[in-house]
Amino acid sequence: MNELEEKCAALIDAVREAGKRFLLPLLNKARSTTKADGSLVTEADLAVNAFLCDRLRQRWPQVAVLSEETTGQAQLQALSHAGSGLWCIDPLDGTSNFSYGAPYFAVSVAYIVGHALKAAVVYDPVRDEMFHAVSAGGAWCNGSRLEPAAVPDTPHEAIACIDFKRLPGTLGSSLLAKPGYSSQRNFGACALELCWLAAGRFHVYLHGGMKLWDYAAGALVLSEAGGMLSDLDGHSLTRVPDRLTTSVVAGTTPALYRQWYEYIAGASS
């Protein structure tokens, strides 16, 4: 087992324990408060965050930790370590779902070094689905390799996952007026949505603005499963940018991604 595989195996154990120990018992029961940005945080977010940060720092004290549940200043300071080594944690991806009892949420952790995504784990405790990936080592769900299945030839035949709320300008209106997809979904947990895209449960994806901890782990799972993703400007997201927020355009295959990206570019103009 090489270093990355060792890190991923340790992540799997820690993330599974966190999901079962802190999330499932508190589903639809956790006390919540509203953060300065208007988003929810629950006692479950904080418990998982404390558990994972402690576990990772004990085993790899030299690796910086970037978490959703820290201050903006601390997040930017941690991001500066993306070259030398960084854990990126979303202790509860889909907090609003969790808070109101909707069973679509996950724990998400990525390992970044050299500004590249190297290892990732996304765990859905409701379905007991553990997605993980290692750079150049493939993507997996519960021990079965994720590989491109039969996918539509064009986005017009595809199921799309789109978050309309954060789309820029008239793009959202254009997509609604002239849909370039067969059917549309939005589940409210970014990392898990990208893993479902990797598993072929839908085919194209669009989000106007998410944080690094929202997409980092899911991005590696998707790319290692044969998918492709970028921001709205076409910059690949398998290399971590020097910013915390980005748009995301993705497809289950490079061919489908390119067609989807071209369609979105046309709808944006």
Protein backbone atom coordinates (compact mmCIF):
# COMPACT_ATOMS: atom_id res chain seq x y z
CA MET A 1 0.00 0.00 0.00
CA ASN A 2 1.52 3.34 -1.05
CA GLU A 3 1.19 6.63 0.87
CA LEU A 4 -1.94 7.80 -0.92
CA GLU A 5 -3.67 4.46 -0.49
CA GLU A 6 -2.73 4.49 3.19
CA LYS A 7 -4.23 7.96 3.61
CA CYS A 8 -7.39 6.94 1.77
CA ALA A 9 -7.83 3.80 3.86
CA ALA A 10 -7.47 5.81 7.06
CA LEU A 11 -9.95 8.37 5.73
CA ILE A 12 -12.50 5.68 4.94
CA ASP A 13 -12.36 4.35 8.50
CA ALA A 14 -12.58 7.81 10.09
CA VAL A 15 -15.35 9.10 7.83
CA ARG A 16 -17.49 5.98 8.24
CA GLU A 17 -17.14 6.21 12.02
CA ALA A 18 -18.06 9.91 11.97
CA GLY A 19 -21.15 9.33 9.82
CA LYS A 20 -22.50 6.49 11.91
CA ARG A 21 -21.54 7.92 15.29
CA PHE A 22 -22.62 11.56 14.86
CA LEU A 23 -24.92 11.95 11.86
CA LEU A 24 -27.43 9.10 11.84
CA PRO A 25 -28.40 9.46 15.52
CA LEU A 26 -29.01 13.22 15.07
CA LEU A 27 -30.86 13.17 11.72
CA ASN A 28 -33.73 15.68 11.99
CA LYS A 29 -32.94 16.08 15.70
CA ALA A 30 -29.80 18.24 15.78
CA ARG A 31 -29.91 21.77 17.15
CA SER A 32 -29.01 24.33 14.50
CA THR A 33 -27.99 27.98 14.25
CA THR A 34 -27.56 30.37 11.33
CA LYS A 35 -24.07 31.48 10.32
CA ALA A 36 -23.15 34.98 9.16
CA ASP A 37 -23.54 33.95 5.51
CA GLY A 38 -27.10 32.75 6.14
CA SER A 39 -26.32 29.04 5.97
CA LEU A 40 -27.20 26.54 8.68
CA VAL A 41 -24.78 24.83 11.00
CA THR A 42 -25.86 22.06 13.36
CA GLU A 43 -24.33 20.37 16.36
CA ALA A 44 -23.71 17.41 14.04
CA ASP A 45 -21.56 19.54 11.67
CA LEU A 46 -19.45 20.66 14.61
CA ALA A 47 -19.16 17.19 16.14
CA VAL A 48 -18.03 15.57 12.88
CA ASN A 49 -15.64 18.45 12.21
CA ALA A 50 -14.01 18.16 15.64
CA PHE A 51 -13.71 14.39 15.33
CA LEU A 52 -12.12 14.43 11.86
CA CYS A 53 -9.79 17.35 12.54
CA ASP A 54 -8.53 15.66 15.69
CA ARG A 55 -8.08 12.28 13.98
CA LEU A 56 -6.20 13.74 10.99
CA ARG A 57 -3.99 16.06 13.02
CA GLN A 58 -3.01 13.25 15.37
CA ARG A 59 -1.91 11.00 12.52
CA TRP A 60 -0.52 13.65 10.11
CA PRO A 61 0.34 16.73 12.20
CA GLN A 62 2.37 18.23 9.36
CA VAL A 63 -0.63 18.46 7.00
CA ALA A 64 -2.80 21.61 7.18
CA VAL A 65 -6.58 21.32 7.54
CA LEU A 66 -9.16 23.43 5.71
CA SER A 67 -12.71 23.00 6.97
CA GLU A 68 -16.05 24.62 6.24
CA GLU A 69 -16.52 25.09 9.98
CA THR A 70 -13.67 27.55 10.55
CA THR A 71 -13.38 31.30 10.03
CA GLY A 72 -12.83 32.80 6.59
CA GLN A 73 -9.37 33.97 7.60
CA ALA A 74 -8.42 30.48 8.78
CA GLN A 75 -9.74 28.98 5.54
CA LEU A 76 -7.63 31.29 3.39
CA GLN A 77 -4.58 30.58 5.54
CA ALA A 78 -5.14 26.85 5.14
CA LEU A 79 -5.62 27.23 1.37
CA SER A 80 -2.09 28.63 1.13
CA HIS A 81 -0.88 25.10 2.02
CA ALA A 82 -2.49 23.52 -1.08
CA GLY A 83 0.98 23.13 -2.55
CA SER A 84 2.62 21.41 0.41
CA GLY A 85 -0.31 19.34 1.68
CA LEU A 86 -3.88 20.03 2.75
CA TRP A 87 -6.92 18.17 4.06
CA CYS A 88 -10.17 19.71 2.82
CA ILE A 89 -13.17 18.79 4.98
CA ASP A 90 -16.91 19.24 4.65
CA PRO A 91 -18.15 17.55 7.83
CA LEU A 92 -21.77 17.62 6.65
CA ASP A 93 -22.41 18.13 2.94
CA GLY A 94 -26.12 18.93 2.74
CA THR A 95 -26.72 20.51 6.15
CA SER A 96 -30.16 21.87 5.24
CA ASN A 97 -31.29 18.42 4.09
CA PHE A 98 -29.96 16.87 7.28
CA SER A 99 -31.52 19.51 9.51
CA TYR A 100 -35.00 18.93 8.09
CA GLY A 101 -34.77 15.15 7.79
CA ALA A 102 -34.22 14.84 4.03
CA PRO A 103 -32.01 11.73 3.65
CA TYR A 104 -29.48 13.17 1.19
CA PHE A 105 -26.24 14.28 2.84
CA ALA A 106 -22.66 13.09 3.26
CA VAL A 107 -19.28 13.51 4.91
CA SER A 108 -16.64 14.67 2.43
CA VAL A 109 -12.84 14.82 2.74
CA ALA A 110 -10.16 15.41 0.09
CA TYR A 111 -6.37 15.36 0.28
CA ILE A 112 -4.60 18.01 -1.82
CA VAL A 113 -0.89 18.34 -2.53
CA GLY A 114 0.87 20.27 -5.28
CA HIS A 115 -2.51 22.00 -5.86
CA ALA A 116 -3.81 18.67 -7.20
CA LEU A 117 -6.52 16.40 -5.83
CA LYS A 118 -4.81 13.23 -4.66
CA ALA A 119 -7.29 11.27 -2.51
CA ALA A 120 -10.96 11.62 -1.70
CA VAL A 121 -13.71 10.05 0.38
CA VAL A 122 -17.44 10.86 0.29
CA TYR A 123 -19.68 8.85 2.62
CA ASP A 124 -23.48 8.68 2.53
CA PRO A 125 -24.43 7.12 5.89
CA VAL A 126 -28.12 6.73 5.00
CA ARG A 127 -27.36 4.39 2.10
CA ASP A 128 -24.07 3.23 3.61
CA GLU A 129 -22.36 4.16 0.33
CA MET A 130 -18.66 4.91 0.55
CA PHE A 131 -17.25 6.63 -2.54
CA HIS A 132 -13.50 7.00 -2.71
CA ALA A 133 -10.76 7.74 -5.22
CA VAL A 134 -6.98 7.99 -5.41
CA SER A 135 -5.22 9.92 -8.16
CA ALA A 136 -4.47 7.55 -11.07
CA GLY A 137 -6.04 4.73 -9.05
CA GLY A 138 -9.67 4.85 -10.15
CA ALA A 139 -12.90 5.64 -8.33
CA TRP A 140 -14.87 3.20 -6.23
CA CYS A 141 -18.16 2.76 -4.40
CA ASN A 142 -18.28 0.12 -1.65
CA GLY A 143 -15.43 -1.76 -3.28
CA SER A 144 -16.86 -1.77 -6.82
CA ARG A 145 -15.07 0.29 -9.42
CA LEU A 146 -17.01 3.15 -10.96
CA GLU A 147 -16.70 3.03 -14.73
CA PRO A 148 -18.55 4.85 -17.51
CA ALA A 149 -21.80 3.02 -18.18
CA ALA A 150 -24.14 3.54 -21.12
CA VAL A 151 -24.63 7.32 -21.28
CA PRO A 152 -26.69 9.49 -23.64
CA ASP A 153 -25.07 10.62 -26.84
CA THR A 154 -26.10 14.24 -26.30
CA PRO A 155 -27.11 16.49 -23.37
CA HIS A 156 -30.60 16.74 -24.87
CA GLU A 157 -31.11 13.08 -23.88
CA ALA A 158 -29.46 13.48 -20.47
CA ILE A 159 -30.66 13.87 -16.91
CA ALA A 160 -29.15 17.12 -15.61
CA CYS A 161 -28.43 18.15 -12.03
CA ILE A 162 -28.62 21.96 -11.89
CA ASP A 163 -28.57 24.43 -9.01
CA PHE A 164 -30.44 27.38 -10.56
CA LYS A 165 -30.17 29.68 -7.53
CA ARG A 166 -26.52 30.63 -8.04
CA LEU A 167 -26.32 30.81 -11.84
CA PRO A 168 -24.99 34.10 -13.23
CA GLY A 169 -26.94 36.61 -15.29
CA THR A 170 -29.59 35.26 -17.60
CA LEU A 171 -28.17 31.75 -17.81
CA GLY A 172 -30.81 30.23 -15.53
CA SER A 173 -33.64 31.90 -17.46
CA SER A 174 -32.17 30.71 -20.75
CA LEU A 175 -31.93 27.13 -19.52
CA LEU A 176 -35.54 27.19 -18.34
CA ALA A 177 -36.81 28.78 -21.54
CA LYS A 178 -34.93 26.38 -23.80
CA PRO A 179 -33.80 23.31 -21.83
CA GLY A 180 -30.79 21.54 -23.30
CA TYR A 181 -31.49 18.39 -21.30
CA SER A 182 -34.17 15.73 -20.98
CA SER A 183 -34.94 16.12 -17.26
CA GLN A 184 -33.56 18.12 -14.33
CA ARG A 185 -32.77 17.45 -10.66
CA ASN A 186 -31.15 19.25 -7.70
CA PHE A 187 -30.54 17.40 -4.43
CA GLY A 188 -28.67 19.92 -2.28
CA ALA A 189 -25.40 18.14 -1.43
CA CYS A 190 -22.67 19.02 -3.93
CA ALA A 191 -20.02 16.37 -3.20
CA LEU A 192 -22.60 13.60 -3.18
CA GLU A 193 -24.18 14.91 -6.39
CA LEU A 194 -20.79 14.70 -8.13
CA CYS A 195 -20.41 11.12 -6.90
CA TRP A 196 -23.85 10.27 -8.24
CA LEU A 197 -22.78 11.80 -11.54
CA ALA A 198 -19.72 9.53 -11.45
CA ALA A 199 -22.02 6.57 -10.81
CA GLY A 200 -24.17 7.46 -13.84
CA ARG A 201 -27.29 8.34 -11.82
CA PHE A 202 -27.46 11.50 -13.89
CA HIS A 203 -25.30 12.69 -16.74
CA VAL A 204 -24.54 16.44 -16.76
CA TYR A 205 -24.11 18.96 -13.96
CA LEU A 206 -24.15 22.73 -13.44
CA HIS A 207 -23.65 24.86 -10.33
CA GLY A 208 -23.06 28.60 -10.28
CA GLY A 209 -20.97 28.85 -7.13
CA MET A 210 -19.74 26.34 -4.58
CA LYS A 211 -16.86 26.22 -2.11
CA LEU A 212 -13.72 24.12 -2.37
CA TRP A 213 -14.92 21.77 0.39
CA ASP A 214 -18.19 21.28 -1.54
CA TYR A 215 -16.56 19.93 -4.70
CA ALA A 216 -12.98 18.79 -3.99
CA ALA A 217 -13.65 15.16 -3.04
CA GLY A 218 -16.47 14.70 -5.55
CA ALA A 219 -14.36 16.18 -8.33
CA LEU A 220 -11.66 13.53 -7.88
CA VAL A 221 -14.23 10.72 -7.72
CA LEU A 222 -15.82 11.98 -10.93
CA SER A 223 -12.57 12.47 -12.85
CA GLU A 224 -11.21 9.07 -11.76
CA ALA A 225 -14.48 7.49 -12.93
CA GLY A 226 -13.93 8.92 -16.41
CA GLY A 227 -15.91 12.15 -16.10
CA MET A 228 -14.78 15.70 -16.72
CA LEU A 229 -15.42 19.03 -15.02
CA SER A 230 -14.41 22.68 -15.15
CA ASP A 231 -15.62 26.10 -14.10
CA LEU A 232 -17.78 28.25 -16.39
CA ASP A 233 -14.60 29.74 -17.89
CA GLY A 234 -13.38 26.28 -18.91
CA HIS A 235 -10.62 25.92 -16.30
CA SER A 236 -10.19 22.35 -15.07
CA LEU A 237 -11.07 21.74 -11.42
CA THR A 238 -8.82 18.74 -10.89
CA ARG A 239 -6.14 21.33 -10.10
CA VAL A 240 -7.18 23.41 -7.09
CA PRO A 241 -7.36 27.16 -7.83
CA ASP A 242 -6.15 29.84 -5.42
CA ARG A 243 -9.71 30.74 -4.44
CA LEU A 244 -12.41 29.18 -2.29
CA THR A 245 -15.43 29.64 -4.59
CA THR A 246 -16.02 28.42 -8.14
CA SER A 247 -18.70 27.48 -10.63
CA VAL A 248 -18.86 23.85 -11.80
CA VAL A 249 -19.78 22.35 -15.19
CA ALA A 250 -19.47 18.56 -15.47
CA GLY A 251 -20.36 15.49 -17.48
CA THR A 252 -20.06 11.74 -17.02
CA THR A 253 -17.76 11.50 -20.06
CA PRO A 254 -15.44 14.05 -21.73
CA ALA A 255 -17.59 13.98 -24.89
CA LEU A 256 -20.79 14.70 -22.99
CA TYR A 257 -19.06 17.36 -20.90
CA ARG A 258 -17.82 19.19 -24.03
CA GLN A 259 -21.27 19.24 -25.62
CA TRP A 260 -22.83 20.40 -22.35
CA TYR A 261 -20.20 23.11 -21.92
CA GLU A 262 -20.78 24.38 -25.46
CA TYR A 263 -24.54 24.46 -24.88
CA ILE A 264 -24.10 26.44 -21.63
CA ALA A 265 -21.71 28.87 -23.32
CA GLY A 266 -24.34 29.51 -25.98
CA ALA A 267 -27.09 29.96 -23.41
CA SER A 268 -24.93 32.44 -21.49
CA SER A 269 -24.39 34.77 -24.46
